Amino acid sequence: MNKRIRRILEMGSRALGFTRANPDESAGYAAMLSRLEECIAEGDALSDQQLTGTRAVRQASARKREVRRLVEKAHMPHLVSIARIAGRELPDLAPKFVLPGSKAANFAFRTAARTMVAEARSRKEQLVGHGLVETVLDDLEQAIARFDAASAQLIEGRRAHVGASAELKQLANEVAELVKSLDGVNRLRFAGDAERLAAWESASTVVTTSRAVAPPEVPAAPAIPEAPAA
């Protein structure tokens, strides 16, 4: 979560705790308090959604890397090797089985893998005769399916994260406005109560990291006078 948004929501929670402990009978005050409670609850739910989306993206990204690494190291090299062997009799075959570069985009990798599977299926009998192991081909199809599933999870995770982030930003702005409105009322209510006014000011202040204090300057040592000339 964005630091600024987190700090505002934390401030909102403190302000909510203070207002619960120091209620006011005014209907308008109660309405602001009710909405602040809703905002804090929504913020908690959105924070969970944002975190869940972030974790889903990380897990999906790791799974995609794992599947791609296996396909590039095992499945594809086997197909390419068999295609080269078969290419002695079928010259048009080898050009259809080319390894994508290690830095190729995931889209290019997936396209190459699916193309190899389709071509190998259509020429399976010929390739088996030159050493193709069918279980490798079957496993490659399953690997592509796992890659696609991870891609879908990654997209959904990003959608959840981005959506929650946008809503949290709006929610933080509303919390800040509500606390600002409560501030004016509470300053009037506790104008003669220094202790509770100080407690409210502390609760309604957005905490930021303290600035580093520069160390005090060390005075220079006094100069030693030179000895008089003989």
Protein backbone atom coordinates (compact mmCIF):
# COMPACT_ATOMS: atom_id res chain seq x y z
CA MET A 1 0.00 0.00 0.00
CA ASN A 2 1.11 3.54 -0.71
CA LYS A 3 2.74 5.03 2.42
CA ARG A 4 0.67 8.20 2.30
CA ILE A 5 -2.59 6.25 2.02
CA ARG A 6 -1.60 3.88 4.82
CA ARG A 7 -0.77 6.77 7.14
CA ILE A 8 -4.06 8.52 6.42
CA LEU A 9 -6.04 5.35 7.12
CA GLU A 10 -4.07 4.79 10.32
CA MET A 11 -4.87 8.36 11.33
CA GLY A 12 -8.54 7.72 10.51
CA SER A 13 -8.54 4.67 12.80
CA ARG A 14 -7.07 6.72 15.65
CA ALA A 15 -9.60 9.50 15.08
CA LEU A 16 -12.39 6.92 15.06
CA GLY A 17 -11.21 5.50 18.37
CA PHE A 18 -11.14 8.96 19.91
CA THR A 19 -14.63 9.88 18.70
CA ARG A 20 -16.03 6.60 19.99
CA ALA A 21 -14.55 7.35 23.39
CA ASN A 22 -15.82 10.95 23.26
CA PRO A 23 -19.26 10.80 21.59
CA ASP A 24 -21.47 13.76 20.76
CA GLU A 25 -25.26 13.76 20.69
CA SER A 26 -25.45 15.83 17.49
CA ALA A 27 -27.05 14.01 14.55
CA GLY A 28 -24.52 15.54 12.14
CA TYR A 29 -21.61 14.39 14.31
CA ALA A 30 -23.08 10.89 14.48
CA ALA A 31 -23.46 10.85 10.68
CA MET A 32 -19.79 11.75 10.20
CA LEU A 33 -18.77 9.12 12.74
CA SER A 34 -20.87 6.47 10.99
CA ARG A 35 -19.33 7.23 7.61
CA LEU A 36 -15.83 7.22 9.10
CA GLU A 37 -16.51 3.75 10.51
CA GLU A 38 -17.63 2.56 7.07
CA CYS A 39 -14.53 4.02 5.43
CA ILE A 40 -12.17 2.31 7.87
CA ALA A 41 -13.94 -1.03 7.34
CA GLU A 42 -13.79 -0.58 3.55
CA GLY A 43 -10.12 0.33 3.82
CA ASP A 44 -9.37 -2.90 5.69
CA ALA A 45 -11.18 -4.96 3.04
CA LEU A 46 -9.45 -3.17 0.18
CA SER A 47 -6.07 -3.59 1.86
CA ASP A 48 -6.69 -7.35 2.02
CA GLN A 49 -7.72 -7.35 -1.65
CA GLN A 50 -4.63 -5.40 -2.63
CA LEU A 51 -2.36 -7.76 -0.71
CA THR A 52 -4.08 -10.83 -2.17
CA GLY A 53 -3.62 -9.42 -5.67
CA THR A 54 0.06 -8.74 -5.06
CA ARG A 55 0.64 -12.28 -3.78
CA ALA A 56 -1.26 -13.75 -6.73
CA VAL A 57 0.92 -11.80 -9.18
CA ARG A 58 4.12 -12.97 -7.50
CA GLN A 59 3.03 -16.59 -7.38
CA ALA A 60 1.85 -16.57 -11.00
CA SER A 61 5.05 -14.90 -12.20
CA ALA A 62 7.16 -17.50 -10.40
CA ARG A 63 5.06 -20.33 -11.84
CA LYS A 64 5.40 -18.95 -15.38
CA ARG A 65 9.17 -18.69 -15.01
CA GLU A 66 9.35 -22.24 -13.69
CA VAL A 67 7.25 -23.69 -16.53
CA ARG A 68 9.11 -21.75 -19.20
CA ARG A 69 12.49 -22.82 -17.84
CA LEU A 70 11.46 -26.48 -17.97
CA VAL A 71 10.00 -26.23 -21.48
CA GLU A 72 13.06 -24.44 -22.84
CA LYS A 73 15.48 -26.90 -21.21
CA ALA A 74 13.63 -30.17 -21.83
CA HIS A 75 10.61 -30.26 -24.14
CA MET A 76 11.70 -27.89 -26.89
CA PRO A 77 15.28 -29.20 -27.27
CA HIS A 78 13.91 -32.74 -27.68
CA LEU A 79 11.53 -31.66 -30.45
CA VAL A 80 14.17 -29.55 -32.18
CA SER A 81 16.67 -32.42 -32.12
CA ILE A 82 14.18 -34.90 -33.55
CA ALA A 83 13.15 -32.41 -36.24
CA ARG A 84 16.79 -32.01 -37.28
CA ILE A 85 17.24 -35.75 -37.53
CA ALA A 86 14.03 -36.12 -39.51
CA GLY A 87 15.04 -33.15 -41.63
CA ARG A 88 17.49 -35.33 -43.54
CA GLU A 89 14.47 -36.93 -45.16
CA LEU A 90 12.03 -34.03 -44.67
CA PRO A 91 13.89 -30.78 -45.43
CA ASP A 92 10.81 -28.64 -44.73
CA LEU A 93 10.49 -29.90 -41.15
CA ALA A 94 13.49 -28.43 -39.29
CA PRO A 95 12.65 -24.74 -39.99
CA LYS A 96 9.35 -25.26 -38.14
CA PHE A 97 11.11 -26.29 -34.93
CA VAL A 98 13.25 -23.35 -33.81
CA LEU A 99 14.05 -22.47 -30.20
CA PRO A 100 13.01 -18.95 -29.18
CA GLY A 101 15.74 -16.76 -27.73
CA SER A 102 16.20 -16.86 -23.95
CA LYS A 103 15.22 -13.17 -23.82
CA ALA A 104 12.17 -13.59 -26.05
CA ALA A 105 8.92 -12.21 -24.65
CA ASN A 106 6.50 -14.65 -23.05
CA PHE A 107 4.11 -14.16 -25.95
CA ALA A 108 6.79 -15.21 -28.45
CA PHE A 109 7.75 -18.18 -26.26
CA ARG A 110 4.15 -19.36 -25.99
CA THR A 111 3.60 -18.97 -29.73
CA ALA A 112 6.72 -21.03 -30.49
CA ALA A 113 5.68 -23.76 -28.06
CA ARG A 114 2.16 -24.02 -29.43
CA THR A 115 3.47 -24.04 -33.01
CA MET A 116 5.84 -26.89 -32.20
CA VAL A 117 3.05 -28.90 -30.57
CA ALA A 118 0.70 -28.42 -33.52
CA GLU A 119 3.39 -29.34 -36.05
CA ALA A 120 4.55 -32.35 -34.05
CA ARG A 121 0.98 -33.63 -33.74
CA SER A 122 0.40 -33.33 -37.47
CA ARG A 123 3.68 -35.17 -38.25
CA LYS A 124 3.72 -37.48 -35.23
CA GLU A 125 4.11 -40.76 -37.10
CA GLN A 126 7.10 -39.48 -39.04
CA LEU A 127 8.72 -37.96 -35.94
CA VAL A 128 8.14 -41.07 -33.82
CA GLY A 129 9.98 -43.03 -36.47
CA HIS A 130 12.99 -40.76 -35.88
CA GLY A 131 12.90 -40.96 -32.08
CA LEU A 132 10.12 -38.68 -30.81
CA VAL A 133 8.99 -39.69 -27.33
CA GLU A 134 5.23 -39.15 -27.23
CA THR A 135 5.14 -38.56 -23.48
CA VAL A 136 7.36 -35.50 -24.00
CA LEU A 137 4.82 -34.12 -26.43
CA ASP A 138 1.94 -34.84 -24.06
CA ASP A 139 3.78 -33.22 -21.17
CA LEU A 140 4.55 -30.17 -23.29
CA GLU A 141 0.84 -29.66 -23.95
CA GLN A 142 0.19 -29.86 -20.21
CA ALA A 143 3.00 -27.39 -19.54
CA ILE A 144 1.48 -24.91 -21.98
CA ALA A 145 -1.86 -25.28 -20.18
CA ARG A 146 -0.13 -24.54 -16.84
CA PHE A 147 1.58 -21.54 -18.39
CA ASP A 148 -1.75 -20.20 -19.65
CA ALA A 149 -3.39 -20.76 -16.26
CA ALA A 150 -0.59 -18.85 -14.54
CA SER A 151 -0.95 -16.03 -17.09
CA ALA A 152 -4.68 -15.80 -16.32
CA GLN A 153 -3.96 -15.74 -12.57
CA LEU A 154 -1.39 -12.98 -13.09
CA ILE A 155 -3.87 -10.85 -15.04
CA GLU A 156 -6.57 -11.33 -12.39
CA GLY A 157 -4.10 -10.53 -9.61
CA ARG A 158 -3.06 -7.31 -11.30
CA ARG A 159 -6.70 -6.35 -11.87
CA ALA A 160 -7.49 -6.89 -8.18
CA HIS A 161 -4.40 -4.95 -7.07
CA VAL A 162 -4.93 -2.00 -9.41
CA GLY A 163 -8.64 -1.79 -8.61
CA ALA A 164 -8.04 -1.86 -4.87
CA SER A 165 -5.27 0.74 -5.16
CA ALA A 166 -7.55 3.16 -7.02
CA GLU A 167 -10.36 2.72 -4.49
CA LEU A 168 -7.97 3.11 -1.56
CA LYS A 169 -6.79 6.43 -2.94
CA GLN A 170 -10.37 7.75 -3.10
CA LEU A 171 -11.14 6.34 0.32
CA ALA A 172 -8.10 8.00 1.89
CA ASN A 173 -9.19 11.37 0.51
CA GLU A 174 -12.66 10.88 2.02
CA VAL A 175 -11.19 9.89 5.39
CA ALA A 176 -9.03 13.01 5.39
CA GLU A 177 -12.08 15.19 4.64
CA LEU A 178 -14.16 13.55 7.36
CA VAL A 179 -11.45 13.99 9.98
CA LYS A 180 -11.01 17.60 8.90
CA SER A 181 -14.72 18.17 9.44
CA LEU A 182 -14.59 16.48 12.83
CA ASP A 183 -11.56 18.57 13.73
CA GLY A 184 -13.48 21.83 13.58
CA VAL A 185 -16.23 20.46 15.83
CA ASN A 186 -13.85 18.88 18.34
CA ARG A 187 -11.80 22.05 18.67
CA LEU A 188 -14.98 23.84 19.73
CA ARG A 189 -16.06 21.02 22.04
CA PHE A 190 -12.72 20.81 23.85
CA ALA A 191 -11.66 24.45 23.74
CA GLY A 192 -11.62 24.47 27.54
CA ASP A 193 -10.21 20.98 27.96
CA ALA A 194 -6.50 21.07 27.12
CA GLU A 195 -5.95 17.40 27.84
CA ARG A 196 -8.65 16.06 25.52
CA LEU A 197 -7.86 18.64 22.87
CA ALA A 198 -4.24 17.48 22.87
CA ALA A 199 -5.40 13.87 22.62
CA TRP A 200 -7.58 14.73 19.63
CA GLU A 201 -4.76 16.60 17.91
CA SER A 202 -2.52 13.59 18.37
CA ALA A 203 -5.16 11.20 17.04
CA SER A 204 -6.05 13.33 14.01
CA THR A 205 -2.49 14.04 12.88
CA VAL A 206 -0.99 12.06 10.00
CA VAL A 207 2.25 10.60 11.29
CA THR A 208 5.23 10.99 8.98
CA THR A 209 8.79 9.83 9.32
CA SER A 210 10.83 12.26 11.36
CA ARG A 211 13.53 14.13 9.56
CA ALA A 212 17.08 13.33 10.46
CA VAL A 213 18.58 15.93 12.76
CA ALA A 214 21.98 17.16 11.69
CA PRO A 215 24.66 16.54 14.31
CA PRO A 216 25.93 19.63 16.16
CA GLU A 217 29.02 21.25 14.74
CA VAL A 218 32.20 20.56 16.64
CA PRO A 219 34.06 23.83 17.35
CA ALA A 220 37.49 24.03 15.81
CA ALA A 221 40.46 23.66 18.18
CA PRO A 222 42.14 26.99 19.08
CA ALA A 223 45.28 27.72 17.11
CA ILE A 224 48.60 27.21 18.94
CA PRO A 225 50.69 30.44 18.89
CA GLU A 226 54.05 30.18 17.21
CA ALA A 227 57.19 30.51 19.32
CA PRO A 228 58.96 33.91 18.97
CA ALA A 229 62.02 33.96 16.73
CA ALA A 230 65.38 33.78 18.50
